[in-house]
Amino acid sequence: MQPPDIFDRPARRLRRDRAVARYAEHDFLRAAMLDGIADRLDAVKRDFTDVLDIGCFGGAFAPPPGARVARLDAGFGFAKAAGGVQGEEDHLPFADASFDLVVAAGTLDSVNDLPGALTLIRRTLRPDGLFLGAFVGAGSLSTLRAVLRSAEGERPVARLHPQIDVRSAGDLLMRAGFALPVADIETLTVRYSGFGRLLEDLRGMAAGNVLTSRHALRRDVLARAAAAFGERAAPDGRTAERFDLIFLTGWSPSPDQPKPARRGSGTSSLAEALRVPPRT
């Protein structure tokens, strides 16, 4: 039985379409993700010919030289702007073994069936194909979370999306069948002149609340949250907000890949390694 959706799919598509026109003014988080992905890709000494860019936004990801690229986005506007197709990460419209590199930057944190999406990504890869992903993870928006909780008092409601920590991200890669999985984290701190500027950025990057159970934010709650946000400001009047970017690396299994050593194949015992030499 399919579990109920956490995220409202039509609302997610609509928010992305609304963000298209001014996205370039608010794309700093995805730009940081793409920089991290580029660094990881530079460390891989091999050629790629067919690339899939999932959650393509405006098509800023530059594929390796000479590679063909297909792009997909849940929003029609972004898909059209990037010359791609509209579709969702957990319903990929591509045949198995179609690509040797898949990149997904900035959208995996709002996918209803993330384990299923990662499995589909792995299936679209050819043997020994590479997946590189990035998304906003657990620990992010800690200031926003705190001021909203304070503003709503004893009866807070869910305003922010559930977040995945780096350990769980690595477990998801393993569960999806990736070989040599790696999950790591980089923290980005952004200092805001006011609460409204933070909300403007979240809307502008299509990162607003799309939970199926979302509730409108009352004006009195918004005013209290803005005041609490201002109270946390540094002497220069700016308040820090935190974004933890989780990066994923995984390979499609192949017989040619290195294998972990068989258990019991070591030539030295732990007791021997820990033996303290006699004092002279």
Protein backbone atom coordinates (compact mmCIF):
# COMPACT_ATOMS: atom_id res chain seq x y z
CA MET A 1 0.00 0.00 0.00
CA GLN A 2 1.37 3.38 -1.03
CA PRO A 3 1.87 5.71 1.98
CA PRO A 4 0.16 9.13 1.82
CA ASP A 5 2.15 11.99 0.34
CA ILE A 6 4.02 14.27 2.74
CA PHE A 7 4.38 17.01 0.14
CA ASP A 8 1.58 18.50 -1.97
CA ARG A 9 2.66 17.70 -5.54
CA PRO A 10 0.49 20.34 -7.30
CA ALA A 11 1.59 23.01 -4.81
CA ARG A 12 5.22 22.05 -5.32
CA ARG A 13 4.88 22.44 -9.10
CA LEU A 14 3.04 25.76 -8.70
CA ARG A 15 5.67 27.18 -6.33
CA ARG A 16 8.38 26.28 -8.78
CA ASP A 17 6.53 27.95 -11.65
CA ARG A 18 6.08 31.12 -9.60
CA ALA A 19 9.81 31.22 -8.83
CA VAL A 20 11.00 31.08 -12.45
CA ALA A 21 10.95 34.80 -13.28
CA ARG A 22 13.22 35.95 -10.41
CA TYR A 23 15.03 32.77 -9.50
CA ALA A 24 18.43 34.15 -10.52
CA GLU A 25 18.16 36.66 -7.63
CA HIS A 26 17.82 33.85 -5.06
CA ASP A 27 19.87 30.96 -6.43
CA PHE A 28 22.83 31.15 -4.03
CA LEU A 29 22.10 27.84 -2.29
CA ARG A 30 21.91 25.85 -5.49
CA ALA A 31 24.99 27.68 -6.79
CA ALA A 32 26.87 26.45 -3.71
CA MET A 33 25.57 22.93 -4.34
CA LEU A 34 26.68 23.03 -7.96
CA ASP A 35 30.12 24.25 -6.91
CA GLY A 36 30.41 21.29 -4.53
CA ILE A 37 29.24 18.88 -7.19
CA ALA A 38 31.75 20.33 -9.67
CA ASP A 39 34.56 19.81 -7.15
CA ARG A 40 33.56 16.18 -6.68
CA LEU A 41 33.19 15.65 -10.40
CA ASP A 42 36.65 17.10 -11.05
CA ALA A 43 38.12 14.43 -8.81
CA VAL A 44 36.72 11.66 -11.04
CA LYS A 45 39.16 10.81 -13.82
CA ARG A 46 36.85 9.44 -16.48
CA ASP A 47 34.70 10.62 -19.36
CA PHE A 48 30.92 10.95 -19.33
CA THR A 49 28.79 10.92 -22.47
CA ASP A 50 25.14 10.97 -21.32
CA VAL A 51 24.11 13.13 -18.36
CA LEU A 52 20.79 13.65 -16.56
CA ASP A 53 20.21 16.87 -14.60
CA ILE A 54 17.32 16.29 -12.15
CA GLY A 55 15.65 19.34 -10.63
CA CYS A 56 17.31 21.45 -13.27
CA PHE A 57 15.84 24.86 -12.34
CA GLY A 58 17.15 27.18 -15.10
CA GLY A 59 19.74 24.74 -16.45
CA ALA A 60 22.78 26.21 -14.67
CA PHE A 61 24.51 22.86 -14.30
CA ALA A 62 27.22 22.59 -16.96
CA PRO A 63 27.81 18.99 -18.08
CA PRO A 64 31.33 17.71 -18.78
CA PRO A 65 32.71 18.81 -22.17
CA GLY A 66 31.28 16.83 -25.05
CA ALA A 67 28.53 15.17 -22.99
CA ARG A 68 24.88 15.14 -23.98
CA VAL A 69 22.53 16.35 -21.24
CA ALA A 70 18.85 15.70 -20.54
CA ARG A 71 17.13 17.93 -17.99
CA LEU A 72 14.06 17.36 -15.82
CA ASP A 73 12.16 19.56 -13.39
CA ALA A 74 8.88 19.19 -11.50
CA GLY A 75 7.90 22.70 -12.61
CA PHE A 76 6.83 23.33 -16.18
CA GLY A 77 8.44 26.78 -16.24
CA PHE A 78 11.88 25.58 -15.19
CA ALA A 79 11.69 22.56 -17.50
CA LYS A 80 10.79 24.80 -20.45
CA ALA A 81 13.48 27.37 -19.65
CA ALA A 82 16.16 24.65 -19.52
CA GLY A 83 14.95 22.83 -22.65
CA GLY A 84 14.03 19.80 -20.55
CA VAL A 85 10.98 17.76 -19.64
CA GLN A 86 8.56 18.10 -16.77
CA GLY A 87 8.53 15.21 -14.31
CA GLU A 88 9.06 14.25 -10.69
CA GLU A 89 12.04 12.59 -9.08
CA ASP A 90 10.07 9.59 -7.83
CA HIS A 91 8.47 9.05 -11.26
CA LEU A 92 11.40 9.38 -13.66
CA PRO A 93 10.36 8.98 -17.33
CA PHE A 94 13.68 7.48 -18.49
CA ALA A 95 14.66 3.94 -19.43
CA ASP A 96 17.07 1.91 -17.34
CA ALA A 97 20.78 2.31 -18.10
CA SER A 98 20.27 5.52 -20.10
CA PHE A 99 22.97 7.67 -18.45
CA ASP A 100 26.48 7.41 -17.08
CA LEU A 101 26.14 10.50 -14.87
CA VAL A 102 23.10 11.75 -12.93
CA VAL A 103 23.11 15.03 -10.99
CA ALA A 104 20.34 16.14 -8.62
CA ALA A 105 20.90 19.47 -6.87
CA GLY A 106 18.39 21.28 -4.70
CA THR A 107 15.16 19.27 -4.84
CA LEU A 108 15.61 15.89 -3.13
CA ASP A 109 14.57 17.30 0.26
CA SER A 110 10.96 17.76 -0.96
CA VAL A 111 10.41 14.44 -2.75
CA ASN A 112 7.61 12.30 -1.39
CA ASP A 113 9.26 8.93 -2.02
CA LEU A 114 12.97 9.68 -1.67
CA PRO A 115 14.05 6.02 -1.31
CA GLY A 116 12.10 5.24 -4.48
CA ALA A 117 13.58 8.25 -6.29
CA LEU A 118 17.13 7.17 -5.43
CA THR A 119 16.38 3.65 -6.62
CA LEU A 120 15.08 5.01 -9.93
CA ILE A 121 18.18 7.18 -10.28
CA ARG A 122 20.39 4.14 -9.73
CA ARG A 123 18.39 2.20 -12.34
CA THR A 124 18.77 4.95 -14.95
CA LEU A 125 22.55 4.66 -14.58
CA ARG A 126 24.67 2.30 -16.62
CA PRO A 127 26.99 -0.05 -14.73
CA ASP A 128 29.70 2.00 -13.00
CA GLY A 129 27.71 5.18 -13.61
CA LEU A 130 28.01 8.05 -11.13
CA PHE A 131 25.32 9.82 -9.10
CA LEU A 132 26.04 13.20 -7.46
CA GLY A 133 23.34 14.85 -5.38
CA ALA A 134 22.95 17.76 -2.98
CA PHE A 135 20.12 19.10 -0.85
CA VAL A 136 19.38 21.14 2.28
CA GLY A 137 19.63 18.80 5.27
CA ALA A 138 19.01 18.56 9.00
CA GLY A 139 20.27 21.50 11.04
CA SER A 140 19.24 24.02 8.40
CA LEU A 141 17.01 27.03 9.13
CA SER A 142 17.55 26.65 12.87
CA THR A 143 16.88 30.35 13.48
CA LEU A 144 13.65 30.32 11.48
CA ARG A 145 12.48 27.20 13.28
CA ALA A 146 13.20 28.75 16.69
CA VAL A 147 11.47 32.09 16.07
CA LEU A 148 8.37 30.42 14.62
CA ARG A 149 8.15 28.08 17.59
CA SER A 150 8.47 31.06 19.94
CA ALA A 151 5.89 33.11 18.02
CA GLU A 152 3.25 30.37 18.04
CA GLY A 153 3.53 29.67 21.76
CA GLU A 154 2.06 26.49 23.18
CA ARG A 155 0.38 25.26 19.98
CA PRO A 156 2.96 25.36 17.18
CA VAL A 157 2.18 23.70 13.85
CA ALA A 158 4.49 22.26 11.21
CA ARG A 159 5.93 25.11 9.17
CA LEU A 160 9.19 23.60 7.92
CA HIS A 161 9.78 20.42 5.99
CA PRO A 162 11.18 17.35 7.77
CA GLN A 163 14.95 17.26 7.25
CA ILE A 164 17.36 14.39 6.58
CA ASP A 165 20.65 14.18 8.43
CA VAL A 166 23.92 13.12 6.83
CA ARG A 167 23.94 9.63 8.38
CA SER A 168 20.41 8.89 7.16
CA ALA A 169 21.38 10.18 3.72
CA GLY A 170 24.20 7.64 3.52
CA ASP A 171 21.82 4.89 4.65
CA LEU A 172 19.39 5.86 1.89
CA LEU A 173 22.14 5.50 -0.72
CA MET A 174 22.91 2.00 0.52
CA ARG A 175 19.23 1.08 0.62
CA ALA A 176 18.84 2.24 -3.00
CA GLY A 177 21.60 -0.15 -4.08
CA PHE A 178 24.44 2.28 -4.75
CA ALA A 179 28.01 1.03 -4.51
CA LEU A 180 30.73 3.01 -2.68
CA PRO A 181 28.20 5.42 -1.11
CA VAL A 182 29.42 8.64 0.49
CA ALA A 183 27.40 11.36 2.25
CA ASP A 184 29.09 14.48 3.56
CA ILE A 185 28.05 17.93 4.72
CA GLU A 186 29.04 21.56 4.24
CA THR A 187 27.58 24.43 6.27
CA LEU A 188 26.70 27.82 4.81
CA THR A 189 25.80 30.77 7.07
CA VAL A 190 23.82 33.66 5.59
CA ARG A 191 23.28 36.94 7.49
CA TYR A 192 19.95 38.70 6.93
CA SER A 193 18.96 42.30 7.51
CA GLY A 194 15.41 41.25 8.39
CA PHE A 195 12.92 38.42 8.66
CA GLY A 196 11.16 39.40 5.45
CA ARG A 197 14.39 39.08 3.47
CA LEU A 198 14.78 35.46 4.60
CA LEU A 199 11.19 34.62 3.63
CA GLU A 200 11.71 36.35 0.28
CA ASP A 201 14.75 34.15 -0.41
CA LEU A 202 12.85 30.97 0.49
CA ARG A 203 9.98 31.89 -1.81
CA GLY A 204 12.38 32.98 -4.55
CA MET A 205 14.22 29.65 -4.53
CA ALA A 206 10.93 27.68 -4.48
CA ALA A 207 11.72 26.46 -0.96
CA GLY A 208 8.50 27.47 0.75
CA ASN A 209 6.21 25.16 2.69
CA VAL A 210 4.52 22.57 0.46
CA LEU A 211 3.48 20.12 3.19
CA THR A 212 0.08 18.60 2.55
CA SER A 213 -0.93 19.63 6.10
CA ARG A 214 0.28 23.23 5.91
CA HIS A 215 -1.60 26.10 7.58
CA ALA A 216 -1.63 29.79 6.80
CA LEU A 217 0.63 31.97 8.94
CA ARG A 218 -1.43 34.54 10.86
CA ARG A 219 -0.33 38.17 10.85
CA ASP A 220 0.16 38.30 14.62
CA VAL A 221 2.37 35.19 14.51
CA LEU A 222 4.34 36.68 11.61
CA ALA A 223 4.87 39.92 13.54
CA ARG A 224 6.09 38.09 16.65
CA ALA A 225 8.43 35.92 14.56
CA ALA A 226 9.87 38.99 12.85
CA ALA A 227 10.47 40.64 16.21
CA ALA A 228 12.15 37.52 17.61
CA PHE A 229 14.31 37.31 14.49
CA GLY A 230 15.43 40.91 14.98
CA GLU A 231 16.25 40.27 18.64
CA ARG A 232 18.80 37.66 17.53
CA ALA A 233 20.66 40.17 15.35
CA ALA A 234 24.34 40.94 15.80
CA PRO A 235 25.45 44.52 16.58
CA ASP A 236 25.45 45.28 12.85
CA GLY A 237 21.72 44.50 12.68
CA ARG A 238 22.01 41.25 10.77
CA THR A 239 20.72 37.87 11.93
CA ALA A 240 22.51 34.65 10.98
CA GLU A 241 20.68 31.72 9.40
CA ARG A 242 22.24 28.32 8.83
CA PHE A 243 22.02 26.03 5.82
CA ASP A 244 23.56 22.55 6.01
CA LEU A 245 24.15 21.21 2.51
CA ILE A 246 24.32 17.43 2.27
CA PHE A 247 26.22 15.98 -0.69
CA LEU A 248 25.67 12.46 -1.96
CA THR A 249 28.00 10.34 -4.07
CA GLY A 250 27.18 6.84 -5.27
CA TRP A 251 28.04 4.50 -8.10
CA SER A 252 25.89 2.09 -10.02
CA PRO A 253 27.20 -1.41 -9.20
CA SER A 254 29.67 -2.97 -11.62
CA PRO A 255 31.86 -6.10 -11.45
CA ASP A 256 34.91 -3.89 -12.13
CA GLN A 257 34.54 -1.82 -8.95
CA PRO A 258 36.77 -2.39 -5.90
CA LYS A 259 35.26 -4.64 -3.26
CA PRO A 260 35.65 -4.42 0.52
CA ALA A 261 37.99 -6.99 2.00
CA ARG A 262 36.40 -10.28 3.04
CA ARG A 263 35.83 -10.56 6.78
CA GLY A 264 38.60 -12.51 8.45
CA SER A 265 41.04 -11.95 5.58
CA GLY A 266 43.45 -9.81 7.64
CA THR A 267 46.89 -11.15 8.47
CA SER A 268 47.25 -9.48 11.90
CA SER A 269 45.03 -9.86 14.94
CA LEU A 270 43.58 -6.92 16.88
CA ALA A 271 45.25 -8.19 20.04
CA GLU A 272 48.64 -8.12 18.31
CA ALA A 273 48.05 -4.60 17.03
CA LEU A 274 47.11 -3.32 20.48
CA ARG A 275 49.93 -5.05 22.36
CA VAL A 276 51.93 -2.54 24.41
CA PRO A 277 55.72 -3.01 24.01
CA PRO A 278 57.63 -3.74 27.21
CA ARG A 279 59.34 -0.81 28.92
CA THR A 280 63.16 -0.96 28.89
